[in-house]
Each structure stands twice: as C-alpha cells, then as structure tokens.
Amino acid sequence: MTISAFERQLAQHGAPAMAGIKPANIITFPAGTGEEGFGIRELTELYSRRFRNRDLAFRVLCECSRSCLIMVYRPSLLKKHMSGPEIRKMLEKEGYPAGGLEETLNFLSLRIRASRQQGGFPHEIGLFLGYPTEDVRGFIENRGKNYLYSCYWKVYSDVERAKAWCRRWEKVRDGILEGIDSGMRICDMFDTEPAA
C-alpha cells in the first residue's frame, strides 16, 4: 500500500481519534502490500513511531490472510476513558484482566482473534471506540436489534446526542480529507516528521 492510500484510509476512518475528539477508531485494511508500497504492519509501526510524542498511536489488533485491523488512538484519552467504573465493570464481565491500557489492548486483540475465528466480533469494542456504555450494553442485550437509530454504531439511548456526535466526527473527517486532497500529509496536519 502506498503512503498516500494509507493516509487517505486513516483520514476516512480514523479522523476523530487523530483529532482527539474520540478515544479510538478501528480501520480494516486489505492484507498484503499490493503491487507497490509497504505492508500495513510496516506502515502502522512507522506511523506509531512518528506520532509517539504527539499522544497518537497506531496498533495492529488482528491480522489474517485477507485483512489487517488497526486501531488509531490517543493513549492518554483512551486510558482515561477506559478507567471509568462502568466501563471497567463491563470489561471485567467479559473477562478482561485488571491492569493498564497495554494489558487491556492485548486482551482485546486476543478477543478479536478468537471471535473472528468463530465468525463474530467482540461487541465490547464499542467501549474502546467511545460509544456510550448504554448503547454498547443495549447492542449486547438486544443482539444488534431494536435500536433507535444507526450511524457509526447502533443507538439505544440518546438519539440526538448520537446525531450530534456523528455530525462532529464527519466534519473533522471532511476537514482532514480536504487537507489530503490539497496535497497535505497527515504529519503536516498534526505537526510531526514526514513518514517517508
């Protein structure tokens, strides 16, 4: 994959986390490098090093022969978000160990791999992505049905809040995509060294 294609995907699906208005986003990339460019794991590691001092991280959560799932996140924001008592209680119920952010993300990776092998996905991932706990709980309890509204997630509680969040996330995404379309790089927008 080329750096420009990687950055376009980051902007399209990771802008809210990169901008710091959401703790994390996940992005699915096709596996392999294609005819030219870098592998997704290589790019993820490169960007994580470049943004390390900007409180922005890129992490491979799961990789298989067809795809690679990465998380774009703000470590300090995600750590604070995940330490909420209601979130901790929900994660403990799913078997997550008590520990720091690194241990929690490692366990999430294991859960994703195990779930994907069975054709599913761990629904508690919504907690990591900053979705309201009542919506994550509603999704789990209703098995994805009976929701009130759907945007980036299925909403079971406050529809107007969800609509406002989605508009804000889309505005940030569109701004970053506009910058990329005008020739800027993500490292320019977030004031760091170029990736290559």
Protein backbone atom coordinates (compact mmCIF):
# COMPACT_ATOMS: atom_id res chain seq x y z
CA MET A 1 0.00 0.00 0.00
CA THR A 2 1.29 3.46 -0.76
CA ILE A 3 1.62 6.09 1.95
CA SER A 4 -0.97 8.29 0.24
CA ALA A 5 -3.52 5.40 0.17
CA PHE A 6 -2.76 4.61 3.82
CA GLU A 7 -3.23 8.23 4.83
CA ARG A 8 -6.50 8.50 2.93
CA GLN A 9 -7.83 5.46 4.82
CA LEU A 10 -6.58 6.93 8.11
CA ALA A 11 -8.41 10.18 7.37
CA GLN A 12 -11.57 8.44 6.18
CA HIS A 13 -11.91 6.12 9.15
CA GLY A 14 -9.61 7.46 11.90
CA ALA A 15 -10.03 11.24 11.83
CA PRO A 16 -11.98 11.63 15.11
CA ALA A 17 -9.31 9.73 17.09
CA MET A 18 -6.47 11.54 15.33
CA ALA A 19 -8.12 14.88 16.16
CA GLY A 20 -8.60 13.83 19.81
CA ILE A 21 -12.41 14.08 19.89
CA LYS A 22 -12.82 10.32 20.22
CA PRO A 23 -10.53 7.92 22.12
CA ALA A 24 -10.08 5.44 19.27
CA ASN A 25 -11.13 4.30 15.82
CA ILE A 26 -10.58 0.96 14.11
CA ILE A 27 -9.79 0.56 10.42
CA THR A 28 -9.77 -2.57 8.31
CA PHE A 29 -7.11 -2.70 5.61
CA PRO A 30 -6.65 -5.40 2.98
CA ALA A 31 -3.71 -7.68 3.71
CA GLY A 32 -0.53 -7.51 1.65
CA THR A 33 1.30 -4.67 0.01
CA GLY A 34 -0.26 -4.75 -3.44
CA GLU A 35 1.95 -4.10 -6.45
CA GLU A 36 3.81 -1.25 -4.81
CA GLY A 37 4.34 0.15 -1.38
CA PHE A 38 4.50 -1.04 2.17
CA GLY A 39 2.76 -3.66 4.26
CA ILE A 40 0.10 -2.47 6.68
CA ARG A 41 2.04 -3.68 9.72
CA GLU A 42 5.11 -1.79 8.49
CA LEU A 43 3.11 1.41 7.97
CA THR A 44 1.39 1.03 11.33
CA GLU A 45 4.74 0.75 13.10
CA LEU A 46 6.19 3.65 11.11
CA TYR A 47 3.30 5.97 11.95
CA SER A 48 3.27 4.91 15.58
CA ARG A 49 6.94 5.91 15.87
CA ARG A 50 6.33 9.21 14.07
CA PHE A 51 3.46 10.21 16.33
CA ARG A 52 4.72 8.74 19.61
CA ASN A 53 5.47 12.19 21.07
CA ARG A 54 2.09 13.52 19.92
CA ASP A 55 -0.02 11.14 22.03
CA LEU A 56 -1.24 9.36 18.92
CA ALA A 57 -0.75 5.63 18.41
CA PHE A 58 -1.41 3.07 15.68
CA ARG A 59 -1.70 -0.58 16.65
CA VAL A 60 -2.40 -3.80 14.78
CA LEU A 61 -5.23 -5.55 16.64
CA CYS A 62 -5.67 -8.52 14.35
CA GLU A 63 -4.15 -9.75 11.12
CA CYS A 64 -5.13 -12.60 8.84
CA SER A 65 -4.53 -13.57 5.22
CA ARG A 66 -7.33 -11.27 3.97
CA SER A 67 -7.20 -8.21 6.22
CA CYS A 68 -5.47 -6.26 8.94
CA LEU A 69 -7.41 -4.43 11.65
CA ILE A 70 -5.65 -1.47 13.19
CA MET A 71 -6.60 0.86 16.00
CA VAL A 72 -5.85 4.57 15.82
CA TYR A 73 -5.98 6.03 19.32
CA ARG A 74 -4.92 8.73 21.73
CA PRO A 75 -3.26 6.75 24.57
CA SER A 76 -3.93 9.32 27.30
CA LEU A 77 -7.55 9.83 26.23
CA LEU A 78 -8.22 6.10 25.85
CA LYS A 79 -6.61 5.32 29.21
CA LYS A 80 -8.77 7.94 30.94
CA HIS A 81 -11.90 6.81 29.11
CA MET A 82 -11.34 3.12 29.87
CA SER A 83 -10.79 3.77 33.58
CA GLY A 84 -14.43 4.75 34.11
CA PRO A 85 -16.09 2.46 36.68
CA GLU A 86 -18.99 1.44 34.42
CA ILE A 87 -16.61 0.56 31.58
CA ARG A 88 -14.29 -1.39 33.90
CA LYS A 89 -17.27 -3.34 35.24
CA MET A 90 -18.45 -4.23 31.72
CA LEU A 91 -14.94 -5.31 30.69
CA GLU A 92 -14.47 -7.41 33.82
CA LYS A 93 -17.73 -9.18 32.99
CA GLU A 94 -16.19 -10.08 29.59
CA GLY A 95 -13.07 -11.47 31.28
CA TYR A 96 -10.68 -8.54 30.83
CA PRO A 97 -7.88 -8.50 33.39
CA ALA A 98 -7.46 -5.61 35.79
CA GLY A 99 -4.41 -3.75 34.59
CA GLY A 100 -3.16 -0.92 32.48
CA LEU A 101 -4.06 0.13 28.97
CA GLU A 102 -1.46 -2.12 27.36
CA GLU A 103 -2.83 -5.25 29.06
CA THR A 104 -6.38 -4.26 28.16
CA LEU A 105 -5.47 -3.75 24.48
CA ASN A 106 -3.57 -7.04 24.41
CA PHE A 107 -6.65 -8.82 25.74
CA LEU A 108 -8.85 -7.02 23.18
CA SER A 109 -6.55 -8.34 20.43
CA LEU A 110 -6.95 -11.88 21.76
CA ARG A 111 -10.75 -11.45 21.93
CA ILE A 112 -10.88 -10.17 18.35
CA ARG A 113 -8.80 -13.06 17.02
CA ALA A 114 -10.88 -15.65 18.88
CA SER A 115 -14.17 -14.05 17.80
CA ARG A 116 -13.14 -13.74 14.15
CA GLN A 117 -12.21 -17.42 14.03
CA GLN A 118 -15.81 -18.13 15.02
CA GLY A 119 -17.21 -15.60 12.53
CA GLY A 120 -18.03 -12.92 15.10
CA PHE A 121 -16.65 -9.82 16.76
CA PRO A 122 -16.39 -8.82 20.43
CA HIS A 123 -19.15 -6.26 20.90
CA GLU A 124 -17.46 -4.57 23.84
CA ILE A 125 -15.14 -2.94 21.31
CA GLY A 126 -17.67 -0.09 21.27
CA LEU A 127 -16.41 0.85 24.73
CA PHE A 128 -12.90 1.39 23.31
CA LEU A 129 -14.32 3.48 20.47
CA GLY A 130 -16.03 5.90 22.84
CA TYR A 131 -19.60 4.82 22.19
CA PRO A 132 -21.96 5.38 25.14
CA THR A 133 -21.97 2.47 27.57
CA GLU A 134 -25.76 2.29 27.46
CA ASP A 135 -25.58 1.79 23.67
CA VAL A 136 -22.93 -0.92 23.95
CA ARG A 137 -25.00 -2.64 26.64
CA GLY A 138 -28.15 -2.21 24.51
CA PHE A 139 -26.43 -3.76 21.49
CA ILE A 140 -25.26 -6.76 23.50
CA GLU A 141 -28.61 -7.29 25.23
CA ASN A 142 -30.64 -6.83 22.04
CA ARG A 143 -28.18 -8.73 19.84
CA GLY A 144 -27.98 -5.78 17.48
CA LYS A 145 -31.74 -5.47 17.04
CA ASN A 146 -34.39 -2.99 18.28
CA TYR A 147 -32.10 0.04 18.03
CA LEU A 148 -33.49 3.58 17.82
CA TYR A 149 -31.01 4.97 15.31
CA SER A 150 -27.89 3.89 13.43
CA CYS A 151 -24.91 5.94 12.35
CA TYR A 152 -21.41 4.69 13.22
CA TRP A 153 -22.98 2.45 15.84
CA LYS A 154 -26.44 1.24 16.79
CA VAL A 155 -28.01 3.70 19.21
CA TYR A 156 -30.19 2.52 22.08
CA SER A 157 -30.29 5.65 24.22
CA ASP A 158 -29.88 9.31 23.26
CA VAL A 159 -30.53 9.71 19.52
CA GLU A 160 -29.94 13.47 19.43
CA ARG A 161 -26.56 13.09 21.16
CA ALA A 162 -25.61 10.38 18.64
CA LYS A 163 -26.60 12.59 15.69
CA ALA A 164 -24.56 15.50 17.09
CA TRP A 165 -21.52 13.26 17.61
CA CYS A 166 -21.80 11.83 14.10
CA ARG A 167 -22.01 15.33 12.57
CA ARG A 168 -18.95 16.43 14.55
CA TRP A 169 -16.96 13.34 13.55
CA GLU A 170 -17.90 13.80 9.89
CA LYS A 171 -16.89 17.46 9.96
CA VAL A 172 -13.45 16.53 11.31
CA ARG A 173 -13.12 13.71 8.77
CA ASP A 174 -14.07 16.00 5.90
CA GLY A 175 -11.55 18.62 7.04
CA ILE A 176 -8.69 16.14 7.14
CA LEU A 177 -9.70 14.65 3.77
CA GLU A 178 -9.81 18.15 2.30
CA GLY A 179 -6.27 18.71 3.55
CA ILE A 180 -5.10 15.45 1.98
CA ASP A 181 -6.83 16.32 -1.30
CA SER A 182 -4.99 19.65 -1.33
CA GLY A 183 -1.64 17.86 -1.04
CA MET A 184 -1.04 17.91 2.71
CA ARG A 185 0.17 14.89 4.62
CA ILE A 186 -1.21 13.78 7.96
CA CYS A 187 2.15 14.52 9.55
CA ASP A 188 1.81 18.13 8.26
CA MET A 189 -1.66 18.46 9.78
CA PHE A 190 -0.54 17.11 13.12
CA ASP A 191 2.92 18.75 13.13
CA THR A 192 5.35 15.84 13.11
CA GLU A 193 8.10 14.44 10.89
CA PRO A 194 7.10 13.04 7.45
CA ALA A 195 6.62 9.27 7.33
CA ALA A 196 8.85 8.75 4.29
